[in-house]
Amino acid sequence: MPGRNTYTSDEIESCRDNCDSLLAAWATNDIEDSTLESLVFGQAVVVLHTWFGHRELALEGDDGNPMNEVRVIADSIVDNDAVLRVAGPITWVAERTVLRLAVGDDVEVTANGFERLAAAYIAAIESTYAESEG
């Protein structure tokens, strides 16, 4: 499938709504298990990446922005046993990322971290890939 240059506002809003639903369900259940939390929200990052996985990467840039961060985290979970690695030309400065993960860190995502990362990611997708209105 060729890369996509745009997403509709409905597609973007649907992703946002799904993230909100997951976070609301997590908060409602009052779970105190950090291992489960990290597994759930790590997998949520993989799904978040997949939601817009066909995006044209040239538009994304390589400056360590939230779109890069989600892609790097998802790839690290799936292909590197949840140890952060940065493949390709991305300029990664941990202090400038949402979750502040450094190369070689174990990828552990909390509900709060996912909420912040998802908000930054969706905002970046929206500003970069949103279809023009009318």
Foldseek 3Di string as FASTA:
>chain_A
DAAAQADEPVLLVVLVVVLVVVLVVVVVVPDDDQVVQQVVLLVVLLVLCVSRVRHDCVLVDQAQFLNQVSVQQNCCVVPPVQAGDHDDDHDDDLVPHQVSHDHRHRRGAGSVSSVRSSVRNSVSCCVRHHDDDD
